């Protein structure tokens, strides 16, 4: 893993890179219909705050820990396992099952 002055380089992975089809507008609309608007906005705000705080920190371990907490909140166990399998990410396997 390469490092920057702030720590390891962060990898971004799309669902298509994991072998899933590219989500379309219908997928977004279907998902949006299942989410309570107020609860969804509050959740997005909380995730934004968490991510902002993580980015303000200069210690990469703290940033990684906050990012792991965010992953536990938004990704299913199946998706976490898929990421670990595809990328060989030890940190993903350390994320505890959140019952999803």
C-alpha atoms as a PDB file:
ATOM      1  CA  UNK A   1       0.000   0.000   0.000  1.00  0.00           C
ATOM      2  CA  UNK A   2       1.468   3.369  -0.974  1.00  0.00           C
ATOM      3  CA  UNK A   3       1.481   6.235   1.500  1.00  0.00           C
ATOM      4  CA  UNK A   4       1.081   9.986   1.376  1.00  0.00           C
ATOM      5  CA  UNK A   5       2.175  12.394   4.143  1.00  0.00           C
ATOM      6  CA  UNK A   6      -1.278  11.833   5.671  1.00  0.00           C
ATOM      7  CA  UNK A   7      -1.139   8.029   5.478  1.00  0.00           C
ATOM      8  CA  UNK A   8      -2.173   5.314   3.027  1.00  0.00           C
ATOM      9  CA  UNK A   9      -3.735   6.166  -0.292  1.00  0.00           C
ATOM     10  CA  UNK A  10      -7.503   5.654  -0.217  1.00  0.00           C
ATOM     11  CA  UNK A  11      -8.975   3.424  -2.908  1.00  0.00           C
ATOM     12  CA  UNK A  12     -12.341   4.110  -4.520  1.00  0.00           C
ATOM     13  CA  UNK A  13     -14.182   1.109  -5.968  1.00  0.00           C
ATOM     14  CA  UNK A  14     -17.319   1.236  -8.091  1.00  0.00           C
ATOM     15  CA  UNK A  15     -19.983  -1.456  -8.118  1.00  0.00           C
ATOM     16  CA  UNK A  16     -19.101  -2.240 -11.741  1.00  0.00           C
ATOM     17  CA  UNK A  17     -15.543  -3.059 -10.643  1.00  0.00           C
ATOM     18  CA  UNK A  18     -17.059  -5.607  -8.267  1.00  0.00           C
ATOM     19  CA  UNK A  19     -18.914  -7.231 -11.147  1.00  0.00           C
ATOM     20  CA  UNK A  20     -22.339  -5.700 -10.549  1.00  0.00           C
ATOM     21  CA  UNK A  21     -24.209  -3.876 -13.320  1.00  0.00           C
ATOM     22  CA  UNK A  22     -24.052  -0.083 -13.436  1.00  0.00           C
ATOM     23  CA  UNK A  23     -27.058   1.266 -11.493  1.00  0.00           C
ATOM     24  CA  UNK A  24     -29.391   3.397 -13.576  1.00  0.00           C
ATOM     25  CA  UNK A  25     -31.890   6.133 -12.933  1.00  0.00           C
ATOM     26  CA  UNK A  26     -34.647   3.581 -12.264  1.00  0.00           C
ATOM     27  CA  UNK A  27     -32.484   1.974  -9.568  1.00  0.00           C
ATOM     28  CA  UNK A  28     -31.979   5.351  -7.905  1.00  0.00           C
ATOM     29  CA  UNK A  29     -35.698   6.135  -8.042  1.00  0.00           C
ATOM     30  CA  UNK A  30     -36.611   2.718  -6.640  1.00  0.00           C
ATOM     31  CA  UNK A  31     -34.134   3.142  -3.781  1.00  0.00           C
ATOM     32  CA  UNK A  32     -35.318   6.684  -3.051  1.00  0.00           C
ATOM     33  CA  UNK A  33     -38.925   5.483  -2.775  1.00  0.00           C
ATOM     34  CA  UNK A  34     -37.961   3.089   0.022  1.00  0.00           C
ATOM     35  CA  UNK A  35     -36.229   5.723   2.156  1.00  0.00           C
ATOM     36  CA  UNK A  36     -38.050   8.022   4.547  1.00  0.00           C
ATOM     37  CA  UNK A  37     -37.086  11.504   3.299  1.00  0.00           C
ATOM     38  CA  UNK A  38     -36.407  13.025   6.717  1.00  0.00           C
ATOM     39  CA  UNK A  39     -34.501  10.002   7.998  1.00  0.00           C
ATOM     40  CA  UNK A  40     -32.517   9.790   4.762  1.00  0.00           C
ATOM     41  CA  UNK A  41     -31.484  13.441   4.925  1.00  0.00           C
ATOM     42  CA  UNK A  42     -30.476  13.082   8.578  1.00  0.00           C
ATOM     43  CA  UNK A  43     -28.421   9.987   7.764  1.00  0.00           C
ATOM     44  CA  UNK A  44     -26.673  11.720   4.870  1.00  0.00           C
ATOM     45  CA  UNK A  45     -25.942  14.739   7.057  1.00  0.00           C
ATOM     46  CA  UNK A  46     -24.471  12.513   9.763  1.00  0.00           C
ATOM     47  CA  UNK A  47     -22.300  10.630   7.256  1.00  0.00           C
ATOM     48  CA  UNK A  48     -21.134  13.957   5.797  1.00  0.00           C
ATOM     49  CA  UNK A  49     -20.178  15.246   9.250  1.00  0.00           C
ATOM     50  CA  UNK A  50     -18.362  12.011  10.102  1.00  0.00           C
ATOM     51  CA  UNK A  51     -16.445  12.089   6.824  1.00  0.00           C
ATOM     52  CA  UNK A  52     -15.584  15.774   7.252  1.00  0.00           C
ATOM     53  CA  UNK A  53     -14.239  15.161  10.741  1.00  0.00           C
ATOM     54  CA  UNK A  54     -12.206  12.241   9.472  1.00  0.00           C
ATOM     55  CA  UNK A  55     -10.697  14.394   6.744  1.00  0.00           C
ATOM     56  CA  UNK A  56      -9.763  17.134   9.230  1.00  0.00           C
ATOM     57  CA  UNK A  57      -7.724  14.708  11.309  1.00  0.00           C
ATOM     58  CA  UNK A  58      -4.065  14.413  10.425  1.00  0.00           C
ATOM     59  CA  UNK A  59      -3.616  10.927  11.911  1.00  0.00           C
ATOM     60  CA  UNK A  60      -4.364   8.343   9.239  1.00  0.00           C
ATOM     61  CA  UNK A  61      -5.260   5.689  11.833  1.00  0.00           C
ATOM     62  CA  UNK A  62      -8.071   7.897  13.161  1.00  0.00           C
ATOM     63  CA  UNK A  63      -9.234   8.613   9.610  1.00  0.00           C
ATOM     64  CA  UNK A  64      -9.229   4.877   8.832  1.00  0.00           C
ATOM     65  CA  UNK A  65     -11.184   4.088  11.995  1.00  0.00           C
ATOM     66  CA  UNK A  66     -13.843   6.688  11.194  1.00  0.00           C
ATOM     67  CA  UNK A  67     -14.075   5.425   7.616  1.00  0.00           C
ATOM     68  CA  UNK A  68     -14.494   1.860   8.936  1.00  0.00           C
ATOM     69  CA  UNK A  69     -17.345   3.035  11.166  1.00  0.00           C
ATOM     70  CA  UNK A  70     -19.021   4.643   8.163  1.00  0.00           C
ATOM     71  CA  UNK A  71     -18.604   1.441   6.141  1.00  0.00           C
ATOM     72  CA  UNK A  72     -20.218  -0.593   8.935  1.00  0.00           C
ATOM     73  CA  UNK A  73     -23.213   1.749   8.872  1.00  0.00           C
ATOM     74  CA  UNK A  74     -23.859   1.791   5.141  1.00  0.00           C
ATOM     75  CA  UNK A  75     -22.618  -1.501   3.681  1.00  0.00           C
ATOM     76  CA  UNK A  76     -24.121  -4.935   4.110  1.00  0.00           C
ATOM     77  CA  UNK A  77     -22.010  -7.821   5.336  1.00  0.00           C
ATOM     78  CA  UNK A  78     -22.315  -9.330   1.853  1.00  0.00           C
ATOM     79  CA  UNK A  79     -20.823  -6.191   0.260  1.00  0.00           C
ATOM     80  CA  UNK A  80     -18.039  -5.996   2.880  1.00  0.00           C
ATOM     81  CA  UNK A  81     -17.152  -9.630   2.184  1.00  0.00           C
ATOM     82  CA  UNK A  82     -17.218  -8.928  -1.546  1.00  0.00           C
ATOM     83  CA  UNK A  83     -14.810  -6.000  -1.109  1.00  0.00           C
ATOM     84  CA  UNK A  84     -12.470  -8.043   1.029  1.00  0.00           C
ATOM     85  CA  UNK A  85     -12.482 -10.908  -1.447  1.00  0.00           C
ATOM     86  CA  UNK A  86     -11.939  -8.675  -4.470  1.00  0.00           C
ATOM     87  CA  UNK A  87      -9.349  -6.340  -2.936  1.00  0.00           C
ATOM     88  CA  UNK A  88      -7.807  -8.453  -0.187  1.00  0.00           C
ATOM     89  CA  UNK A  89      -8.408  -5.657   2.295  1.00  0.00           C
ATOM     90  CA  UNK A  90      -7.543  -6.806   5.801  1.00  0.00           C
ATOM     91  CA  UNK A  91      -9.236  -3.748   7.338  1.00  0.00           C
ATOM     92  CA  UNK A  92     -12.552  -4.675   5.746  1.00  0.00           C
ATOM     93  CA  UNK A  93     -12.442  -8.132   7.306  1.00  0.00           C
ATOM     94  CA  UNK A  94     -11.872  -6.477  10.687  1.00  0.00           C
ATOM     95  CA  UNK A  95     -15.156  -4.604  10.345  1.00  0.00           C
ATOM     96  CA  UNK A  96     -17.650  -6.383  12.562  1.00  0.00           C
ATOM     97  CA  UNK A  97     -20.969  -7.651  11.254  1.00  0.00           C
ATOM     98  CA  UNK A  98     -23.682  -5.051  11.792  1.00  0.00           C
ATOM     99  CA  UNK A  99     -26.541  -7.506  11.291  1.00  0.00           C
ATOM    100  CA  UNK A 100     -27.144  -6.589   7.643  1.00  0.00           C
END
